[in-house]
Amino acid sequence: MHIQADTERCIGAGMCALTAPDLFDQSDHDGTVVLLRAGVCGQEVAEAARAAVEACPSGALTLTD
């Protein structure tokens, strides 16, 4: 599984970083998403990634296999 983050679409709400802090952070410059790990392995990490994607209000995050 692979995470993609569209920083152009991101509104800086920070739900990803709150939901999955091991996978996401926010830019100090503008608050947009910073992807800490693009690759996801393990069930617990995959569940956190899915929860972050669902929580993103702008739809800036996607998961691919």
N, C-alpha and C. Protein backbone atom coordinates (compact mmCIF):
# COMPACT_ATOMS: atom_id res chain seq x y z
N MET A 1 0.85 -1.17 0.00
CA MET A 1 0.00 0.00 0.00
C MET A 1 0.90 1.23 0.00
N HIS A 2 0.46 2.25 -0.70
CA HIS A 2 1.25 3.48 -0.88
C HIS A 2 0.35 4.68 -0.63
N ILE A 3 0.86 5.67 0.09
CA ILE A 3 0.12 6.90 0.38
C ILE A 3 0.59 7.99 -0.58
N GLN A 4 -0.35 8.74 -1.10
CA GLN A 4 -0.04 9.92 -1.91
C GLN A 4 -0.69 11.12 -1.25
N ALA A 5 0.06 12.22 -1.20
CA ALA A 5 -0.44 13.45 -0.61
C ALA A 5 -0.33 14.59 -1.61
N ASP A 6 -1.43 15.25 -1.88
CA ASP A 6 -1.48 16.37 -2.81
C ASP A 6 -1.39 17.66 -2.01
N THR A 7 -0.20 18.25 -1.94
CA THR A 7 -0.01 19.46 -1.15
C THR A 7 -0.73 20.66 -1.74
N GLU A 8 -1.03 20.62 -3.03
CA GLU A 8 -1.78 21.71 -3.66
C GLU A 8 -3.24 21.71 -3.21
N ARG A 9 -3.75 20.54 -2.94
CA ARG A 9 -5.15 20.40 -2.53
C ARG A 9 -5.32 20.53 -1.01
N CYS A 10 -4.26 20.27 -0.26
CA CYS A 10 -4.29 20.29 1.20
C CYS A 10 -4.65 21.68 1.72
N ILE A 11 -5.53 21.74 2.72
CA ILE A 11 -5.92 23.01 3.33
C ILE A 11 -5.29 23.21 4.71
N GLY A 12 -4.45 22.26 5.14
CA GLY A 12 -3.75 22.41 6.40
C GLY A 12 -4.58 22.18 7.65
N ALA A 13 -5.62 21.38 7.54
CA ALA A 13 -6.48 21.11 8.69
C ALA A 13 -5.77 20.29 9.76
N GLY A 14 -4.81 19.48 9.38
CA GLY A 14 -4.01 18.70 10.31
C GLY A 14 -4.64 17.42 10.81
N MET A 15 -5.75 17.02 10.23
CA MET A 15 -6.40 15.78 10.67
C MET A 15 -5.51 14.56 10.43
N CYS A 16 -4.74 14.59 9.37
CA CYS A 16 -3.85 13.46 9.09
C CYS A 16 -2.80 13.31 10.18
N ALA A 17 -2.18 14.41 10.57
CA ALA A 17 -1.14 14.37 11.60
C ALA A 17 -1.72 13.99 12.96
N LEU A 18 -2.94 14.38 13.23
CA LEU A 18 -3.59 14.01 14.48
C LEU A 18 -3.99 12.54 14.48
N THR A 19 -4.43 12.05 13.33
CA THR A 19 -4.91 10.68 13.21
C THR A 19 -3.78 9.67 13.12
N ALA A 20 -2.74 10.00 12.37
CA ALA A 20 -1.62 9.07 12.15
C ALA A 20 -0.29 9.84 12.21
N PRO A 21 0.14 10.22 13.40
CA PRO A 21 1.36 11.03 13.53
C PRO A 21 2.64 10.32 13.10
N ASP A 22 2.62 9.01 12.98
CA ASP A 22 3.79 8.29 12.49
C ASP A 22 3.91 8.38 10.97
N LEU A 23 2.83 8.76 10.32
CA LEU A 23 2.82 8.82 8.86
C LEU A 23 2.82 10.24 8.31
N PHE A 24 2.25 11.18 9.08
CA PHE A 24 2.06 12.54 8.58
C PHE A 24 2.52 13.59 9.58
N ASP A 25 2.92 14.73 9.05
CA ASP A 25 3.23 15.91 9.85
C ASP A 25 2.70 17.10 9.05
N GLN A 26 2.90 18.29 9.59
CA GLN A 26 2.49 19.50 8.89
C GLN A 26 3.69 20.39 8.68
N SER A 27 3.72 21.06 7.55
CA SER A 27 4.79 21.97 7.21
C SER A 27 4.80 23.15 8.17
N ASP A 28 5.98 23.51 8.65
CA ASP A 28 6.12 24.71 9.49
C ASP A 28 5.86 25.96 8.67
N HIS A 29 6.06 25.87 7.38
CA HIS A 29 5.91 27.02 6.49
C HIS A 29 4.44 27.41 6.25
N ASP A 30 3.63 26.42 5.86
CA ASP A 30 2.24 26.75 5.50
C ASP A 30 1.20 25.80 6.08
N GLY A 31 1.62 24.84 6.87
CA GLY A 31 0.68 23.93 7.52
C GLY A 31 0.18 22.79 6.67
N THR A 32 0.65 22.70 5.43
CA THR A 32 0.19 21.61 4.57
C THR A 32 0.84 20.30 4.97
N VAL A 33 0.27 19.23 4.46
CA VAL A 33 0.70 17.88 4.81
C VAL A 33 2.16 17.61 4.42
N VAL A 34 2.85 16.93 5.32
CA VAL A 34 4.19 16.42 5.05
C VAL A 34 4.10 14.91 5.25
N LEU A 35 4.40 14.18 4.21
CA LEU A 35 4.35 12.72 4.25
C LEU A 35 5.65 12.19 4.83
N LEU A 36 5.56 11.50 5.97
CA LEU A 36 6.75 10.97 6.63
C LEU A 36 7.15 9.62 6.06
N ARG A 37 6.17 8.83 5.63
CA ARG A 37 6.41 7.51 5.02
C ARG A 37 5.40 7.29 3.93
N ALA A 38 5.85 7.04 2.73
CA ALA A 38 4.93 6.79 1.63
C ALA A 38 4.46 5.34 1.60
N GLY A 39 5.35 4.44 1.98
CA GLY A 39 5.01 3.02 1.98
C GLY A 39 4.36 2.61 3.28
N VAL A 40 3.31 1.81 3.19
CA VAL A 40 2.58 1.34 4.36
C VAL A 40 2.65 -0.18 4.39
N CYS A 41 3.13 -0.71 5.50
CA CYS A 41 3.11 -2.16 5.67
C CYS A 41 2.70 -2.46 7.10
N GLY A 42 1.96 -3.52 7.25
CA GLY A 42 1.43 -3.90 8.55
C GLY A 42 0.00 -3.44 8.71
N GLN A 43 -0.80 -4.26 9.36
CA GLN A 43 -2.23 -3.99 9.48
C GLN A 43 -2.51 -2.73 10.31
N GLU A 44 -1.81 -2.54 11.40
CA GLU A 44 -2.05 -1.39 12.26
C GLU A 44 -1.73 -0.08 11.54
N VAL A 45 -0.63 -0.04 10.82
CA VAL A 45 -0.25 1.15 10.07
C VAL A 45 -1.23 1.39 8.93
N ALA A 46 -1.67 0.33 8.27
CA ALA A 46 -2.64 0.47 7.18
C ALA A 46 -3.96 1.02 7.70
N GLU A 47 -4.40 0.58 8.85
CA GLU A 47 -5.64 1.09 9.44
C GLU A 47 -5.50 2.57 9.78
N ALA A 48 -4.35 2.98 10.31
CA ALA A 48 -4.12 4.39 10.62
C ALA A 48 -4.11 5.23 9.35
N ALA A 49 -3.50 4.71 8.29
CA ALA A 49 -3.47 5.41 7.01
C ALA A 49 -4.88 5.58 6.45
N ARG A 50 -5.68 4.53 6.50
CA ARG A 50 -7.07 4.61 6.01
C ARG A 50 -7.87 5.63 6.82
N ALA A 51 -7.69 5.63 8.13
CA ALA A 51 -8.40 6.57 8.99
C ALA A 51 -8.01 8.01 8.66
N ALA A 52 -6.74 8.25 8.39
CA ALA A 52 -6.28 9.59 8.04
C ALA A 52 -6.85 10.04 6.70
N VAL A 53 -6.89 9.12 5.74
CA VAL A 53 -7.45 9.45 4.42
C VAL A 53 -8.93 9.81 4.57
N GLU A 54 -9.65 9.05 5.36
CA GLU A 54 -11.08 9.33 5.57
C GLU A 54 -11.30 10.63 6.34
N ALA A 55 -10.38 10.99 7.23
CA ALA A 55 -10.53 12.19 8.05
C ALA A 55 -10.14 13.48 7.32
N CYS A 56 -9.43 13.35 6.20
CA CYS A 56 -8.94 14.52 5.48
C CYS A 56 -10.11 15.29 4.85
N PRO A 57 -10.36 16.53 5.30
CA PRO A 57 -11.50 17.27 4.78
C PRO A 57 -11.34 17.75 3.33
N SER A 58 -10.11 17.84 2.85
CA SER A 58 -9.91 18.33 1.49
C SER A 58 -9.75 17.23 0.46
N GLY A 59 -9.61 15.99 0.92
CA GLY A 59 -9.41 14.88 -0.01
C GLY A 59 -8.02 14.87 -0.61
N ALA A 60 -7.05 15.42 0.10
CA ALA A 60 -5.68 15.52 -0.41
C ALA A 60 -4.90 14.22 -0.30
N LEU A 61 -5.44 13.24 0.41
CA LEU A 61 -4.73 11.99 0.63
C LEU A 61 -5.40 10.85 -0.11
N THR A 62 -4.59 9.97 -0.70
CA THR A 62 -5.11 8.78 -1.36
C THR A 62 -4.22 7.60 -1.03
N LEU A 63 -4.81 6.41 -1.06
CA LEU A 63 -4.09 5.16 -0.87
C LEU A 63 -4.18 4.34 -2.14
N THR A 64 -3.07 3.73 -2.53
CA THR A 64 -3.05 2.83 -3.68
C THR A 64 -2.39 1.53 -3.27
N ASP A 65 -2.72 0.46 -3.96
CA ASP A 65 -2.10 -0.84 -3.68
C ASP A 65 -0.81 -1.01 -4.41
